[in-house]
Amino acid sequence: MQSSEVLSTQLVALESEKAELVQMLSKVEAELAVQGEELQRVQSSLATERESGVKMAEALQNQLNEKESREQVLESQLLAARWSSLQGAVEEAEKIIQESLAQIDDPAHISCTSSADYLASRCQASLDSMDRLKSARETFLADNTAVLELVRVVTQCGHLVGDTIVQGSATSHMVPVEQADGKCVFVLQM
């Protein structure tokens, strides 16, 4: 009988232990369920943030592409404006020189005179301007952003060459025709 009492006591102890283990298992399962829900919430939040980050990156990339496109358009417009200003300066210089050439035969200008020394100084200024023009052209060909200096030098050169033409004509009026013909023959023989 004692063995049945011992067994009965052991059985009660085992059932009590089983009940405790079942209760602990229920608590662990409840904790796992809570942690599983938390894990799903965190994963969902991460997925949302990742999706938001991807959308933000795409939006930023689109903005960057638009900015680069606008910069290319502006760069193209700037290049066109540079060429236009240079073309305008060349046309203006050509016009100044053409007007100076037209003054040679103008009856109102035939009575104008000038000294050979002044003509020589105008010739030297024109030659110096040509050197600056060559230098500015080389600089512009190396770097087309240097257009302002080339425009300035082209305009200045047009004025100086035009002035040299007018002064040359005025100086020629100082020399008697016979002397001028003789000098022309001398120059042609050289």
N, C-alpha and C. Protein backbone atom coordinates (compact mmCIF):
# COMPACT_ATOMS: atom_id res chain seq x y z
N MET A 1 0.78 -1.16 0.00
CA MET A 1 0.00 0.00 0.00
C MET A 1 0.83 1.25 0.00
N GLN A 2 1.84 1.12 0.61
CA GLN A 2 2.72 2.28 0.63
C GLN A 2 3.19 2.61 -0.77
N SER A 3 3.32 1.64 -1.52
CA SER A 3 3.80 1.93 -2.83
C SER A 3 2.71 2.62 -3.64
N SER A 4 1.45 2.32 -3.36
CA SER A 4 0.42 3.03 -4.07
C SER A 4 0.30 4.45 -3.54
N GLU A 5 0.53 4.66 -2.28
CA GLU A 5 0.52 6.02 -1.74
C GLU A 5 1.69 6.81 -2.31
N VAL A 6 2.80 6.20 -2.41
CA VAL A 6 4.00 6.86 -2.95
C VAL A 6 3.73 7.20 -4.42
N LEU A 7 3.14 6.27 -5.09
CA LEU A 7 2.86 6.49 -6.51
C LEU A 7 1.81 7.59 -6.64
N SER A 8 0.85 7.55 -5.77
CA SER A 8 -0.20 8.55 -5.81
C SER A 8 0.38 9.92 -5.50
N THR A 9 1.26 10.02 -4.55
CA THR A 9 1.90 11.29 -4.21
C THR A 9 2.77 11.75 -5.39
N GLN A 10 3.46 10.83 -5.96
CA GLN A 10 4.31 11.18 -7.10
C GLN A 10 3.44 11.64 -8.28
N LEU A 11 2.31 10.97 -8.44
CA LEU A 11 1.42 11.33 -9.52
C LEU A 11 0.86 12.74 -9.31
N VAL A 12 0.48 13.04 -8.07
CA VAL A 12 -0.04 14.37 -7.75
C VAL A 12 1.06 15.40 -7.99
N ALA A 13 2.28 15.08 -7.57
CA ALA A 13 3.39 16.01 -7.75
C ALA A 13 3.65 16.21 -9.25
N LEU A 14 3.57 15.10 -10.00
CA LEU A 14 3.82 15.21 -11.44
C LEU A 14 2.70 16.02 -12.11
N GLU A 15 1.47 15.81 -11.69
CA GLU A 15 0.36 16.56 -12.26
C GLU A 15 0.47 18.04 -11.91
N SER A 16 0.92 18.31 -10.69
CA SER A 16 1.12 19.70 -10.27
C SER A 16 2.24 20.33 -11.12
N GLU A 17 3.29 19.55 -11.33
CA GLU A 17 4.42 20.04 -12.13
C GLU A 17 3.98 20.24 -13.58
N LYS A 18 3.13 19.29 -14.06
CA LYS A 18 2.62 19.39 -15.43
C LYS A 18 1.76 20.65 -15.57
N ALA A 19 0.93 20.94 -14.56
CA ALA A 19 0.08 22.13 -14.61
C ALA A 19 0.94 23.39 -14.64
N GLU A 20 2.02 23.38 -13.84
CA GLU A 20 2.93 24.53 -13.83
C GLU A 20 3.60 24.68 -15.19
N LEU A 21 4.02 23.55 -15.77
CA LEU A 21 4.68 23.59 -17.08
C LEU A 21 3.70 24.06 -18.16
N VAL A 22 2.45 23.61 -18.09
CA VAL A 22 1.43 24.03 -19.05
C VAL A 22 1.20 25.53 -18.91
N GLN A 23 1.16 26.02 -17.65
CA GLN A 23 0.96 27.44 -17.41
C GLN A 23 2.15 28.24 -17.95
N MET A 24 3.38 27.74 -17.69
CA MET A 24 4.59 28.43 -18.17
C MET A 24 4.61 28.42 -19.71
N LEU A 25 4.19 27.28 -20.28
CA LEU A 25 4.15 27.18 -21.73
C LEU A 25 3.16 28.19 -22.31
N SER A 26 2.02 28.34 -21.65
CA SER A 26 1.03 29.32 -22.09
C SER A 26 1.60 30.74 -22.04
N LYS A 27 2.35 31.03 -20.95
CA LYS A 27 2.96 32.35 -20.83
C LYS A 27 4.00 32.57 -21.94
N VAL A 28 4.82 31.55 -22.18
CA VAL A 28 5.86 31.66 -23.23
C VAL A 28 5.19 31.84 -24.59
N GLU A 29 4.12 31.07 -24.85
CA GLU A 29 3.41 31.19 -26.13
C GLU A 29 2.79 32.59 -26.26
N ALA A 30 2.27 33.12 -25.15
CA ALA A 30 1.69 34.47 -25.18
C ALA A 30 2.78 35.50 -25.47
N GLU A 31 3.95 35.33 -24.83
CA GLU A 31 5.07 36.25 -25.08
C GLU A 31 5.52 36.15 -26.53
N LEU A 32 5.61 34.92 -27.03
CA LEU A 32 6.02 34.73 -28.43
C LEU A 32 5.02 35.38 -29.38
N ALA A 33 3.74 35.27 -29.05
CA ALA A 33 2.71 35.88 -29.89
C ALA A 33 2.87 37.40 -29.90
N VAL A 34 3.11 37.99 -28.71
CA VAL A 34 3.31 39.44 -28.61
C VAL A 34 4.56 39.85 -29.39
N GLN A 35 5.66 39.07 -29.21
CA GLN A 35 6.90 39.40 -29.91
C GLN A 35 6.74 39.21 -31.43
N GLY A 36 5.95 38.22 -31.83
CA GLY A 36 5.69 38.00 -33.26
C GLY A 36 4.93 39.19 -33.85
N GLU A 37 3.94 39.68 -33.09
CA GLU A 37 3.20 40.85 -33.54
C GLU A 37 4.12 42.06 -33.64
N GLU A 38 4.99 42.23 -32.65
CA GLU A 38 5.96 43.34 -32.65
C GLU A 38 6.89 43.21 -33.84
N LEU A 39 7.35 41.98 -34.11
CA LEU A 39 8.23 41.73 -35.25
C LEU A 39 7.52 42.10 -36.56
N GLN A 40 6.27 41.73 -36.70
CA GLN A 40 5.51 42.06 -37.91
C GLN A 40 5.34 43.58 -38.04
N ARG A 41 5.09 44.24 -36.92
CA ARG A 41 4.94 45.70 -36.95
C ARG A 41 6.24 46.36 -37.38
N VAL A 42 7.38 45.87 -36.81
CA VAL A 42 8.69 46.44 -37.17
C VAL A 42 9.00 46.17 -38.64
N GLN A 43 8.73 44.95 -39.11
CA GLN A 43 8.98 44.62 -40.51
C GLN A 43 8.11 45.47 -41.44
N SER A 44 6.88 45.67 -41.06
CA SER A 44 5.98 46.50 -41.85
C SER A 44 6.49 47.95 -41.88
N SER A 45 6.93 48.43 -40.72
CA SER A 45 7.46 49.80 -40.64
C SER A 45 8.72 49.94 -41.50
N LEU A 46 9.60 48.92 -41.43
CA LEU A 46 10.82 48.95 -42.24
C LEU A 46 10.48 48.93 -43.74
N ALA A 47 9.51 48.10 -44.12
CA ALA A 47 9.10 48.03 -45.52
C ALA A 47 8.55 49.38 -45.99
N THR A 48 7.75 50.02 -45.12
CA THR A 48 7.19 51.33 -45.45
C THR A 48 8.30 52.36 -45.59
N GLU A 49 9.25 52.34 -44.66
CA GLU A 49 10.37 53.28 -44.71
C GLU A 49 11.23 53.03 -45.94
N ARG A 50 11.47 51.76 -46.26
CA ARG A 50 12.26 51.42 -47.44
C ARG A 50 11.57 51.92 -48.70
N GLU A 51 10.26 51.70 -48.78
CA GLU A 51 9.47 52.16 -49.93
C GLU A 51 9.50 53.68 -50.01
N SER A 52 9.37 54.33 -48.86
CA SER A 52 9.42 55.79 -48.82
C SER A 52 10.81 56.28 -49.25
N GLY A 53 11.84 55.59 -48.80
CA GLY A 53 13.21 55.95 -49.18
C GLY A 53 13.44 55.79 -50.67
N VAL A 54 12.90 54.73 -51.25
CA VAL A 54 13.03 54.50 -52.69
C VAL A 54 12.32 55.61 -53.46
N LYS A 55 11.09 55.95 -53.00
CA LYS A 55 10.35 57.03 -53.66
C LYS A 55 11.09 58.35 -53.55
N MET A 56 11.66 58.62 -52.37
CA MET A 56 12.41 59.85 -52.16
C MET A 56 13.64 59.88 -53.07
N ALA A 57 14.34 58.75 -53.16
CA ALA A 57 15.52 58.68 -54.03
C ALA A 57 15.13 58.90 -55.48
N GLU A 58 14.01 58.32 -55.91
CA GLU A 58 13.54 58.52 -57.28
C GLU A 58 13.18 59.98 -57.52
N ALA A 59 12.51 60.60 -56.55
CA ALA A 59 12.13 62.01 -56.69
C ALA A 59 13.39 62.89 -56.77
N LEU A 60 14.38 62.60 -55.93
CA LEU A 60 15.62 63.37 -55.95
C LEU A 60 16.36 63.17 -57.27
N GLN A 61 16.37 61.94 -57.77
CA GLN A 61 17.03 61.66 -59.05
C GLN A 61 16.32 62.41 -60.18
N ASN A 62 14.99 62.44 -60.14
CA ASN A 62 14.24 63.19 -61.15
C ASN A 62 14.55 64.67 -61.08
N GLN A 63 14.63 65.21 -59.84
CA GLN A 63 14.97 66.62 -59.68
C GLN A 63 16.38 66.90 -60.22
N LEU A 64 17.31 65.99 -59.94
CA LEU A 64 18.68 66.15 -60.42
C LEU A 64 18.71 66.10 -61.95
N ASN A 65 17.97 65.18 -62.53
CA ASN A 65 17.91 65.08 -63.99
C ASN A 65 17.33 66.35 -64.61
N GLU A 66 16.26 66.87 -63.98
CA GLU A 66 15.66 68.11 -64.47
C GLU A 66 16.64 69.28 -64.35
N LYS A 67 17.36 69.32 -63.23
CA LYS A 67 18.34 70.39 -63.03
C LYS A 67 19.44 70.30 -64.08
N GLU A 68 19.94 69.09 -64.33
CA GLU A 68 20.98 68.91 -65.33
C GLU A 68 20.47 69.30 -66.71
N SER A 69 19.22 68.96 -66.99
CA SER A 69 18.62 69.32 -68.28
C SER A 69 18.52 70.84 -68.42
N ARG A 70 18.06 71.51 -67.34
CA ARG A 70 17.97 72.98 -67.36
C ARG A 70 19.37 73.59 -67.52
N GLU A 71 20.36 73.02 -66.85
CA GLU A 71 21.72 73.54 -66.96
C GLU A 71 22.22 73.39 -68.40
N GLN A 72 21.91 72.27 -69.05
CA GLN A 72 22.33 72.08 -70.43
C GLN A 72 21.66 73.09 -71.35
N VAL A 73 20.38 73.36 -71.11
CA VAL A 73 19.66 74.35 -71.92
C VAL A 73 20.28 75.73 -71.70
N LEU A 74 20.55 76.07 -70.44
CA LEU A 74 21.14 77.38 -70.14
C LEU A 74 22.54 77.49 -70.73
N GLU A 75 23.31 76.42 -70.65
CA GLU A 75 24.66 76.42 -71.22
C GLU A 75 24.59 76.61 -72.73
N SER A 76 23.64 75.96 -73.35
CA SER A 76 23.44 76.11 -74.80
C SER A 76 23.04 77.54 -75.14
N GLN A 77 22.14 78.11 -74.35
CA GLN A 77 21.72 79.50 -74.57
C GLN A 77 22.88 80.46 -74.36
N LEU A 78 23.70 80.19 -73.35
CA LEU A 78 24.86 81.04 -73.08
C LEU A 78 25.85 80.97 -74.23
N LEU A 79 26.09 79.77 -74.73
CA LEU A 79 27.00 79.62 -75.87
C LEU A 79 26.47 80.37 -77.08
N ALA A 80 25.16 80.25 -77.33
CA ALA A 80 24.55 80.96 -78.45
C ALA A 80 24.68 82.48 -78.27
N ALA A 81 24.49 82.95 -77.02
CA ALA A 81 24.61 84.38 -76.75
C ALA A 81 26.05 84.85 -76.94
N ARG A 82 27.02 84.01 -76.55
CA ARG A 82 28.43 84.38 -76.75
C ARG A 82 28.73 84.53 -78.24
N TRP A 83 28.30 83.53 -79.02
CA TRP A 83 28.55 83.58 -80.46
C TRP A 83 27.83 84.77 -81.08
N SER A 84 26.64 85.04 -80.62
CA SER A 84 25.86 86.16 -81.16
C SER A 84 26.56 87.49 -80.86
N SER A 85 27.05 87.63 -79.63
CA SER A 85 27.74 88.89 -79.28
C SER A 85 29.03 89.03 -80.07
N LEU A 86 29.74 87.92 -80.28
CA LEU A 86 30.98 87.97 -81.07
C LEU A 86 30.65 88.31 -82.52
N GLN A 87 29.63 87.67 -83.06
CA GLN A 87 29.22 87.95 -84.44
C GLN A 87 28.81 89.42 -84.58
N GLY A 88 28.07 89.93 -83.61
CA GLY A 88 27.66 91.33 -83.63
C GLY A 88 28.86 92.27 -83.61
N ALA A 89 29.86 91.94 -82.78
CA ALA A 89 31.06 92.78 -82.69
C ALA A 89 31.83 92.76 -84.01
N VAL A 90 31.94 91.59 -84.63
CA VAL A 90 32.65 91.48 -85.91
C VAL A 90 31.90 92.27 -86.99
N GLU A 91 30.58 92.14 -87.02
CA GLU A 91 29.78 92.89 -88.00
C GLU A 91 29.92 94.39 -87.78
N GLU A 92 29.92 94.82 -86.52
CA GLU A 92 30.07 96.24 -86.21
C GLU A 92 31.45 96.74 -86.63
N ALA A 93 32.49 95.96 -86.35
CA ALA A 93 33.85 96.35 -86.75
C ALA A 93 33.95 96.44 -88.28
N GLU A 94 33.34 95.48 -88.97
CA GLU A 94 33.34 95.51 -90.44
C GLU A 94 32.62 96.75 -90.95
N LYS A 95 31.51 97.09 -90.33
CA LYS A 95 30.73 98.28 -90.72
C LYS A 95 31.56 99.54 -90.53
N ILE A 96 32.26 99.63 -89.40
CA ILE A 96 33.11 100.80 -89.13
C ILE A 96 34.18 100.93 -90.21
N ILE A 97 34.81 99.82 -90.55
CA ILE A 97 35.88 99.84 -91.57
C ILE A 97 35.29 100.20 -92.94
N GLN A 98 34.13 99.65 -93.28
CA GLN A 98 33.49 99.97 -94.56
C GLN A 98 33.13 101.46 -94.63
N GLU A 99 32.63 102.01 -93.52
CA GLU A 99 32.31 103.43 -93.49
C GLU A 99 33.57 104.28 -93.66
N SER A 100 34.66 103.83 -93.07
CA SER A 100 35.93 104.56 -93.21
C SER A 100 36.41 104.51 -94.66
N LEU A 101 36.27 103.37 -95.30
CA LEU A 101 36.66 103.26 -96.71
C LEU A 101 35.77 104.15 -97.59
N ALA A 102 34.50 104.25 -97.25
CA ALA A 102 33.58 105.10 -98.01
C ALA A 102 33.93 106.58 -97.86
N GLN A 103 34.53 106.96 -96.74
CA GLN A 103 34.90 108.37 -96.52
C GLN A 103 36.04 108.81 -97.42
N ILE A 104 36.81 107.85 -97.94
CA ILE A 104 37.95 108.21 -98.79
C ILE A 104 37.47 108.98 -100.02
N ASP A 105 36.38 108.55 -100.60
CA ASP A 105 35.87 109.21 -101.82
C ASP A 105 34.80 110.26 -101.52
N ASP A 106 34.51 110.50 -100.27
CA ASP A 106 33.48 111.48 -99.89
C ASP A 106 34.03 112.89 -100.14
N PRO A 107 33.34 113.69 -100.96
CA PRO A 107 33.83 115.06 -101.25
C PRO A 107 33.99 115.90 -99.99
N ALA A 108 33.17 115.66 -98.99
CA ALA A 108 33.28 116.44 -97.75
C ALA A 108 34.57 116.10 -97.01
N HIS A 109 35.12 114.93 -97.25
CA HIS A 109 36.32 114.49 -96.53
C HIS A 109 37.60 114.83 -97.29
N ILE A 110 37.50 115.14 -98.57
CA ILE A 110 38.70 115.37 -99.39
C ILE A 110 39.52 116.54 -98.88
N SER A 111 38.91 117.49 -98.25
CA SER A 111 39.65 118.66 -97.75
C SER A 111 40.33 118.41 -96.40
N CYS A 112 40.07 117.26 -95.76
CA CYS A 112 40.69 116.95 -94.47
C CYS A 112 42.15 116.57 -94.66
N THR A 113 42.99 116.99 -93.72
CA THR A 113 44.42 116.65 -93.78
C THR A 113 44.88 116.16 -92.43
N SER A 114 46.03 115.46 -92.47
CA SER A 114 46.61 114.94 -91.23
C SER A 114 48.10 114.78 -91.45
N SER A 115 48.87 114.73 -90.37
CA SER A 115 50.32 114.60 -90.50
C SER A 115 50.75 113.15 -90.60
N ALA A 116 51.90 112.95 -91.20
CA ALA A 116 52.44 111.60 -91.36
C ALA A 116 52.76 110.99 -89.99
N ASP A 117 53.23 111.84 -89.04
CA ASP A 117 53.54 111.32 -87.70
C ASP A 117 52.30 110.79 -87.01
N TYR A 118 51.19 111.54 -87.16
CA TYR A 118 49.95 111.07 -86.54
C TYR A 118 49.48 109.78 -87.21
N LEU A 119 49.61 109.71 -88.53
CA LEU A 119 49.25 108.48 -89.24
C LEU A 119 50.10 107.31 -88.75
N ALA A 120 51.38 107.55 -88.55
CA ALA A 120 52.27 106.49 -88.06
C ALA A 120 51.83 106.01 -86.68
N SER A 121 51.41 106.94 -85.82
CA SER A 121 50.95 106.53 -84.47
C SER A 121 49.65 105.73 -84.57
N ARG A 122 48.77 106.09 -85.50
CA ARG A 122 47.52 105.34 -85.70
C ARG A 122 47.81 103.95 -86.26
N CYS A 123 48.79 103.89 -87.19
CA CYS A 123 49.19 102.58 -87.76
C CYS A 123 49.73 101.68 -86.66
N GLN A 124 50.57 102.24 -85.78
CA GLN A 124 51.14 101.43 -84.70
C GLN A 124 50.04 100.96 -83.74
N ALA A 125 49.10 101.84 -83.44
CA ALA A 125 47.99 101.45 -82.56
C ALA A 125 47.18 100.33 -83.21
N SER A 126 46.98 100.42 -84.53
CA SER A 126 46.24 99.35 -85.23
C SER A 126 47.01 98.04 -85.21
N LEU A 127 48.32 98.11 -85.41
CA LEU A 127 49.15 96.89 -85.37
C LEU A 127 49.13 96.26 -83.98
N ASP A 128 49.24 97.10 -82.95
CA ASP A 128 49.17 96.59 -81.58
C ASP A 128 47.81 95.94 -81.32
N SER A 129 46.77 96.56 -81.84
CA SER A 129 45.42 96.01 -81.69
C SER A 129 45.30 94.66 -82.39
N MET A 130 45.95 94.54 -83.54
CA MET A 130 45.93 93.24 -84.26
C MET A 130 46.61 92.15 -83.42
N ASP A 131 47.71 92.52 -82.75
CA ASP A 131 48.38 91.54 -81.86
C ASP A 131 47.45 91.13 -80.72
N ARG A 132 46.77 92.11 -80.12
CA ARG A 132 45.83 91.79 -79.04
C ARG A 132 44.67 90.93 -79.56
N LEU A 133 44.25 91.22 -80.80
CA LEU A 133 43.17 90.43 -81.42
C LEU A 133 43.60 88.98 -81.61
N LYS A 134 44.82 88.79 -82.07
CA LYS A 134 45.33 87.42 -82.25
C LYS A 134 45.39 86.69 -80.91
N SER A 135 45.89 87.37 -79.90
CA SER A 135 45.99 86.77 -78.56
C SER A 135 44.62 86.44 -77.99
N ALA A 136 43.68 87.39 -78.13
CA ALA A 136 42.33 87.16 -77.61
C ALA A 136 41.64 86.02 -78.36
N ARG A 137 41.90 85.92 -79.65
CA ARG A 137 41.33 84.83 -80.46
C ARG A 137 41.86 83.48 -79.97
N GLU A 138 43.16 83.39 -79.74
CA GLU A 138 43.76 82.14 -79.27
C GLU A 138 43.20 81.76 -77.89
N THR A 139 43.05 82.75 -77.03
CA THR A 139 42.48 82.51 -75.70
C THR A 139 41.05 82.02 -75.83
N PHE A 140 40.28 82.65 -76.72
CA PHE A 140 38.88 82.25 -76.93
C PHE A 140 38.78 80.84 -77.50
N LEU A 141 39.67 80.49 -78.42
CA LEU A 141 39.63 79.14 -79.00
C LEU A 141 39.95 78.09 -77.94
N ALA A 142 40.78 78.45 -76.97
CA ALA A 142 41.11 77.52 -75.89
C ALA A 142 40.01 77.46 -74.83
N ASP A 143 39.31 78.59 -74.65
CA ASP A 143 38.27 78.67 -73.62
C ASP A 143 37.19 79.63 -74.09
N ASN A 144 36.08 79.08 -74.60
CA ASN A 144 35.07 79.95 -75.21
C ASN A 144 34.31 80.81 -74.20
N THR A 145 34.66 80.72 -72.92
CA THR A 145 34.05 81.64 -71.95
C THR A 145 34.77 82.99 -71.96
N ALA A 146 35.90 83.09 -72.66
CA ALA A 146 36.68 84.32 -72.72
C ALA A 146 36.19 85.22 -73.86
N VAL A 147 34.92 85.16 -74.18
CA VAL A 147 34.37 85.89 -75.31
C VAL A 147 34.34 87.40 -75.07
N LEU A 148 34.17 87.85 -73.84
CA LEU A 148 34.07 89.28 -73.58
C LEU A 148 35.33 90.03 -74.01
N GLU A 149 36.48 89.47 -73.73
CA GLU A 149 37.74 90.11 -74.12
C GLU A 149 37.85 90.16 -75.64
N LEU A 150 37.46 89.07 -76.31
CA LEU A 150 37.52 89.04 -77.77
C LEU A 150 36.56 90.06 -78.38
N VAL A 151 35.38 90.18 -77.84
CA VAL A 151 34.40 91.17 -78.32
C VAL A 151 34.98 92.58 -78.16
N ARG A 152 35.56 92.85 -76.99
CA ARG A 152 36.15 94.16 -76.74
C ARG A 152 37.27 94.46 -77.73
N VAL A 153 38.15 93.48 -77.96
CA VAL A 153 39.30 93.70 -78.83
C VAL A 153 38.86 93.83 -80.29
N VAL A 154 37.86 93.04 -80.71
CA VAL A 154 37.35 93.15 -82.09
C VAL A 154 36.80 94.54 -82.33
N THR A 155 36.01 95.03 -81.39
CA THR A 155 35.43 96.37 -81.52
C THR A 155 36.51 97.44 -81.55
N GLN A 156 37.47 97.34 -80.64
CA GLN A 156 38.56 98.30 -80.60
C GLN A 156 39.37 98.26 -81.89
N CYS A 157 39.63 97.07 -82.37
CA CYS A 157 40.41 96.91 -83.60
C CYS A 157 39.67 97.55 -84.78
N GLY A 158 38.36 97.34 -84.86
CA GLY A 158 37.58 97.96 -85.93
C GLY A 158 37.69 99.47 -85.91
N HIS A 159 37.60 100.05 -84.70
CA HIS A 159 37.71 101.50 -84.57
C HIS A 159 39.10 101.99 -84.98
N LEU A 160 40.14 101.29 -84.51
CA LEU A 160 41.51 101.73 -84.81
C LEU A 160 41.84 101.59 -86.30
N VAL A 161 41.43 100.48 -86.91
CA VAL A 161 41.69 100.31 -88.35
C VAL A 161 40.91 101.34 -89.15
N GLY A 162 39.65 101.56 -88.76
CA GLY A 162 38.86 102.60 -89.43
C GLY A 162 39.52 103.96 -89.31
N ASP A 163 39.99 104.29 -88.12
CA ASP A 163 40.68 105.57 -87.90
C ASP A 163 41.95 105.65 -88.73
N THR A 164 42.68 104.55 -88.83
CA THR A 164 43.92 104.52 -89.63
C THR A 164 43.60 104.77 -91.10
N ILE A 165 42.52 104.19 -91.59
CA ILE A 165 42.12 104.41 -92.98
C ILE A 165 41.80 105.88 -93.21
N VAL A 166 41.00 106.47 -92.30
CA VAL A 166 40.63 107.88 -92.44
C VAL A 166 41.88 108.76 -92.35
N GLN A 167 42.77 108.47 -91.41
CA GLN A 167 43.99 109.27 -91.26
C GLN A 167 44.92 109.09 -92.45
N GLY A 168 44.94 107.88 -93.01
CA GLY A 168 45.76 107.65 -94.21
C GLY A 168 45.25 108.47 -95.37
N SER A 169 43.94 108.51 -95.50
CA SER A 169 43.35 109.33 -96.57
C SER A 169 43.66 110.81 -96.33
N ALA A 170 43.50 111.26 -95.10
CA ALA A 170 43.74 112.67 -94.77
C ALA A 170 45.22 113.02 -94.97
N THR A 171 46.10 112.10 -94.64
CA THR A 171 47.53 112.35 -94.82
C THR A 171 47.86 112.41 -96.31
N SER A 172 47.20 111.61 -97.11
CA SER A 172 47.47 111.61 -98.56
C SER A 172 47.10 112.95 -99.19
N HIS A 173 46.19 113.69 -98.56
CA HIS A 173 45.80 114.99 -99.08
C HIS A 173 46.89 116.05 -98.85
N MET A 174 47.84 115.76 -97.98
CA MET A 174 48.91 116.71 -97.66
C MET A 174 50.02 116.68 -98.71
N VAL A 175 50.16 115.58 -99.43
CA VAL A 175 51.26 115.41 -100.36
C VAL A 175 50.79 115.87 -101.75
N PRO A 176 51.58 116.67 -102.42
CA PRO A 176 51.20 117.07 -103.78
C PRO A 176 51.05 115.84 -104.67
N VAL A 177 50.17 115.92 -105.65
CA VAL A 177 49.84 114.78 -106.51
C VAL A 177 51.09 114.26 -107.21
N GLU A 178 51.96 115.16 -107.72
CA GLU A 178 53.17 114.71 -108.43
C GLU A 178 54.08 113.92 -107.50
N GLN A 179 54.22 114.39 -106.26
CA GLN A 179 55.05 113.70 -105.27
C GLN A 179 54.44 112.35 -104.92
N ALA A 180 53.15 112.30 -104.77
CA ALA A 180 52.48 111.06 -104.42
C ALA A 180 52.63 110.05 -105.54
N ASP A 181 52.50 110.51 -106.80
CA ASP A 181 52.67 109.59 -107.93
C ASP A 181 54.08 109.04 -107.94
N GLY A 182 55.05 109.89 -107.66
CA GLY A 182 56.44 109.44 -107.63
C GLY A 182 56.67 108.42 -106.53
N LYS A 183 56.08 108.65 -105.36
CA LYS A 183 56.24 107.70 -104.25
C LYS A 183 55.54 106.39 -104.56
N CYS A 184 54.40 106.47 -105.24
CA CYS A 184 53.69 105.24 -105.60
C CYS A 184 54.52 104.43 -106.57
N VAL A 185 55.15 105.09 -107.54
CA VAL A 185 56.01 104.37 -108.50
C VAL A 185 57.15 103.74 -107.74
N PHE A 186 57.74 104.46 -106.80
CA PHE A 186 58.85 103.94 -106.01
C PHE A 186 58.42 102.71 -105.21
N VAL A 187 57.26 102.79 -104.59
CA VAL A 187 56.76 101.67 -103.78
C VAL A 187 56.47 100.48 -104.68
N LEU A 188 55.88 100.71 -105.84
CA LEU A 188 55.57 99.62 -106.77
C LEU A 188 56.84 98.94 -107.29
N GLN A 189 57.93 99.71 -107.43
CA GLN A 189 59.17 99.13 -107.92
C GLN A 189 59.83 98.26 -106.85
N MET A 190 59.52 98.49 -105.60
CA MET A 190 60.12 97.71 -104.53
C MET A 190 59.57 96.34 -104.61
